[in-house]
Amino acid sequence: EYAKRGGLPCAGSTMDVEPCNLDADACTIGNVDCVLSDWLQWTPCSATCGGGEQHSTRRVAVPSRGRGKPCSGALHKVKSCNEDPCPGDNPTDCTWGPWSAWSACTEQCGGGQHR
C-alpha cells in the first residue's frame, strides 16, 4: 500500500529476481553425451621404403545434445611405417604444417564442438 497522509514510503526494490528451474526435468531430459566410434583399421602404408604413413579415423557416432558432454579427442591419427631408407635416398624428417581454422561450433549454446 502506498504511504498516505504523511506516512513513510516503503523502502526497497519494487521487483526481485531469483533463479528457478535449476533442476527441472527440462535440464536433464533429452541430454545426450557425445560418443565417438571405435578407431578404424590402419590404412596400408603409403610407401614400401623411405618412410610412409598410415592413417586411422573415427567419427562422432552420437553427437551431444542439450546439456550433454561435447565430444573431445582426435578423429584422425597418423603413424609412420616402413621407415627404412630406400636404396640411394637421403632421409627426410616429417614436419607438421599449420593447423587449419576451426569449423563453426555445432551448438549456439550449451557446449557444442568444433573441429
C-alpha atoms as a PDB file:
ATOM      1  CA  GLU A   1       0.000   0.000   0.000  1.00  0.00           C
ATOM      2  CA  TYR A   2       1.250   3.480  -0.793  1.00  0.00           C
ATOM      3  CA  ALA A   3       2.136   5.863   2.011  1.00  0.00           C
ATOM      4  CA  LYS A   4      -0.705   8.248   2.829  1.00  0.00           C
ATOM      5  CA  ARG A   5      -1.233  11.378   4.896  1.00  0.00           C
ATOM      6  CA  GLY A   6       2.459  11.940   5.618  1.00  0.00           C
ATOM      7  CA  GLY A   7       3.298   8.288   6.248  1.00  0.00           C
ATOM      8  CA  LEU A   8       6.736   6.972   5.335  1.00  0.00           C
ATOM      9  CA  PRO A   9       7.194   5.436   1.898  1.00  0.00           C
ATOM     10  CA  CYS A  10       8.138   1.784   1.580  1.00  0.00           C
ATOM     11  CA  ALA A  11      11.906   1.132   1.398  1.00  0.00           C
ATOM     12  CA  GLY A  12      13.479  -1.271  -1.061  1.00  0.00           C
ATOM     13  CA  SER A  13      13.012  -2.572  -4.538  1.00  0.00           C
ATOM     14  CA  THR A  14       9.671  -2.921  -6.261  1.00  0.00           C
ATOM     15  CA  MET A  15      10.839  -6.098  -8.038  1.00  0.00           C
ATOM     16  CA  ASP A  16      13.084  -9.008  -7.094  1.00  0.00           C
ATOM     17  CA  VAL A  17      14.711 -11.718  -9.221  1.00  0.00           C
ATOM     18  CA  GLU A  18      15.931 -15.186  -8.289  1.00  0.00           C
ATOM     19  CA  PRO A  19      16.919 -18.297 -10.231  1.00  0.00           C
ATOM     20  CA  CYS A  20      14.379 -21.026 -10.892  1.00  0.00           C
ATOM     21  CA  ASN A  21      14.091 -24.388 -12.650  1.00  0.00           C
ATOM     22  CA  LEU A  22      17.713 -25.175 -11.869  1.00  0.00           C
ATOM     23  CA  ASP A  23      16.965 -28.879 -11.526  1.00  0.00           C
ATOM     24  CA  ALA A  24      13.888 -29.047 -13.719  1.00  0.00           C
ATOM     25  CA  ASP A  25      13.289 -32.113 -15.862  1.00  0.00           C
ATOM     26  CA  ALA A  26      13.904 -29.957 -18.935  1.00  0.00           C
ATOM     27  CA  CYS A  27      17.530 -29.606 -17.805  1.00  0.00           C
ATOM     28  CA  THR A  28      18.141 -33.356 -17.855  1.00  0.00           C
ATOM     29  CA  ILE A  29      15.609 -34.923 -20.213  1.00  0.00           C
ATOM     30  CA  GLY A  30      16.961 -35.126 -23.736  1.00  0.00           C
ATOM     31  CA  ASN A  31      20.576 -34.510 -22.771  1.00  0.00           C
ATOM     32  CA  VAL A  32      22.915 -36.860 -24.604  1.00  0.00           C
ATOM     33  CA  ASP A  33      26.656 -37.124 -24.131  1.00  0.00           C
ATOM     34  CA  CYS A  34      28.807 -37.371 -27.242  1.00  0.00           C
ATOM     35  CA  VAL A  35      30.023 -40.844 -28.191  1.00  0.00           C
ATOM     36  CA  LEU A  36      32.963 -41.396 -30.543  1.00  0.00           C
ATOM     37  CA  SER A  37      33.152 -44.549 -32.658  1.00  0.00           C
ATOM     38  CA  ASP A  38      35.992 -47.045 -32.377  1.00  0.00           C
ATOM     39  CA  TRP A  39      39.084 -46.364 -34.465  1.00  0.00           C
ATOM     40  CA  LEU A  40      39.026 -47.926 -37.934  1.00  0.00           C
ATOM     41  CA  GLN A  41      41.881 -50.215 -39.001  1.00  0.00           C
ATOM     42  CA  TRP A  42      45.094 -48.556 -40.115  1.00  0.00           C
ATOM     43  CA  THR A  43      45.333 -47.877 -43.848  1.00  0.00           C
ATOM     44  CA  PRO A  44      48.095 -49.632 -45.793  1.00  0.00           C
ATOM     45  CA  CYS A  45      51.456 -47.898 -45.634  1.00  0.00           C
ATOM     46  CA  SER A  46      51.824 -45.191 -48.281  1.00  0.00           C
ATOM     47  CA  ALA A  47      55.402 -46.313 -49.150  1.00  0.00           C
ATOM     48  CA  THR A  48      57.327 -49.568 -49.283  1.00  0.00           C
ATOM     49  CA  CYS A  49      60.523 -47.906 -48.031  1.00  0.00           C
ATOM     50  CA  GLY A  50      61.841 -44.474 -47.121  1.00  0.00           C
ATOM     51  CA  GLY A  51      59.078 -43.759 -44.656  1.00  0.00           C
ATOM     52  CA  GLY A  52      55.390 -43.734 -45.277  1.00  0.00           C
ATOM     53  CA  GLU A  53      52.263 -43.007 -43.320  1.00  0.00           C
ATOM     54  CA  GLN A  54      49.315 -44.986 -42.103  1.00  0.00           C
ATOM     55  CA  HIS A  55      46.047 -43.325 -41.119  1.00  0.00           C
ATOM     56  CA  SER A  56      43.153 -44.284 -38.917  1.00  0.00           C
ATOM     57  CA  THR A  57      39.917 -42.405 -38.363  1.00  0.00           C
ATOM     58  CA  ARG A  58      36.881 -42.456 -36.147  1.00  0.00           C
ATOM     59  CA  ARG A  59      33.705 -40.469 -36.257  1.00  0.00           C
ATOM     60  CA  VAL A  60      31.142 -38.925 -33.978  1.00  0.00           C
ATOM     61  CA  ALA A  61      28.774 -41.853 -33.504  1.00  0.00           C
ATOM     62  CA  VAL A  62      26.343 -39.919 -31.287  1.00  0.00           C
ATOM     63  CA  PRO A  63      26.517 -36.104 -31.272  1.00  0.00           C
ATOM     64  CA  SER A  64      25.951 -34.382 -27.948  1.00  0.00           C
ATOM     65  CA  ARG A  65      22.542 -32.868 -27.434  1.00  0.00           C
ATOM     66  CA  GLY A  66      21.140 -30.432 -24.910  1.00  0.00           C
ATOM     67  CA  ARG A  67      23.484 -30.189 -21.942  1.00  0.00           C
ATOM     68  CA  GLY A  68      25.266 -33.446 -22.773  1.00  0.00           C
ATOM     69  CA  LYS A  69      29.064 -33.592 -22.714  1.00  0.00           C
ATOM     70  CA  PRO A  70      30.597 -32.462 -26.038  1.00  0.00           C
ATOM     71  CA  CYS A  71      32.976 -34.669 -27.984  1.00  0.00           C
ATOM     72  CA  SER A  72      36.628 -34.463 -27.114  1.00  0.00           C
ATOM     73  CA  GLY A  73      39.586 -36.069 -28.832  1.00  0.00           C
ATOM     74  CA  ALA A  74      41.108 -36.646 -32.233  1.00  0.00           C
ATOM     75  CA  LEU A  75      39.111 -38.031 -35.152  1.00  0.00           C
ATOM     76  CA  HIS A  76      42.181 -38.774 -37.267  1.00  0.00           C
ATOM     77  CA  LYS A  77      45.573 -40.180 -36.340  1.00  0.00           C
ATOM     78  CA  VAL A  78      48.744 -40.825 -38.306  1.00  0.00           C
ATOM     79  CA  LYS A  79      51.729 -43.058 -37.683  1.00  0.00           C
ATOM     80  CA  SER A  80      54.973 -43.724 -39.528  1.00  0.00           C
ATOM     81  CA  CYS A  81      55.658 -47.002 -41.302  1.00  0.00           C
ATOM     82  CA  ASN A  82      58.333 -48.626 -43.488  1.00  0.00           C
ATOM     83  CA  GLU A  83      60.925 -46.175 -42.215  1.00  0.00           C
ATOM     84  CA  ASP A  84      63.994 -47.962 -43.568  1.00  0.00           C
ATOM     85  CA  PRO A  85      65.632 -45.800 -46.254  1.00  0.00           C
ATOM     86  CA  CYS A  86      65.182 -46.773 -49.853  1.00  0.00           C
ATOM     87  CA  PRO A  87      68.462 -47.592 -51.599  1.00  0.00           C
ATOM     88  CA  GLY A  88      70.205 -44.322 -52.575  1.00  0.00           C
ATOM     89  CA  ASP A  89      67.840 -41.975 -50.706  1.00  0.00           C
ATOM     90  CA  ASN A  90      68.782 -39.368 -48.096  1.00  0.00           C
ATOM     91  CA  PRO A  91      66.478 -39.375 -45.042  1.00  0.00           C
ATOM     92  CA  THR A  92      63.943 -36.550 -44.552  1.00  0.00           C
ATOM     93  CA  ASP A  93      62.223 -35.918 -41.215  1.00  0.00           C
ATOM     94  CA  CYS A  94      58.474 -35.436 -41.039  1.00  0.00           C
ATOM     95  CA  THR A  95      57.243 -31.906 -40.260  1.00  0.00           C
ATOM     96  CA  TRP A  96      53.743 -30.718 -39.419  1.00  0.00           C
ATOM     97  CA  GLY A  97      52.185 -27.805 -41.271  1.00  0.00           C
ATOM     98  CA  PRO A  98      49.974 -25.220 -39.564  1.00  0.00           C
ATOM     99  CA  TRP A  99      46.527 -26.144 -38.287  1.00  0.00           C
ATOM    100  CA  SER A 100      43.571 -25.150 -40.420  1.00  0.00           C
ATOM    101  CA  ALA A 101      40.921 -22.834 -38.971  1.00  0.00           C
ATOM    102  CA  TRP A 102      38.353 -24.214 -36.534  1.00  0.00           C
ATOM    103  CA  SER A 103      34.997 -25.164 -38.021  1.00  0.00           C
ATOM    104  CA  ALA A 104      31.827 -23.459 -36.825  1.00  0.00           C
ATOM    105  CA  CYS A 105      30.515 -24.612 -33.448  1.00  0.00           C
ATOM    106  CA  THR A 106      27.743 -27.233 -33.645  1.00  0.00           C
ATOM    107  CA  GLU A 107      25.671 -25.543 -30.925  1.00  0.00           C
ATOM    108  CA  GLN A 108      24.841 -21.918 -30.289  1.00  0.00           C
ATOM    109  CA  CYS A 109      24.917 -22.508 -26.541  1.00  0.00           C
ATOM    110  CA  GLY A 110      25.331 -25.294 -24.035  1.00  0.00           C
ATOM    111  CA  GLY A 111      28.568 -26.945 -25.134  1.00  0.00           C
ATOM    112  CA  GLY A 112      28.844 -27.677 -28.830  1.00  0.00           C
ATOM    113  CA  GLN A 113      32.020 -28.697 -30.574  1.00  0.00           C
ATOM    114  CA  HIS A 114      34.184 -27.677 -33.472  1.00  0.00           C
ATOM    115  CA  ARG A 115      36.988 -29.332 -35.370  1.00  0.00           C
END
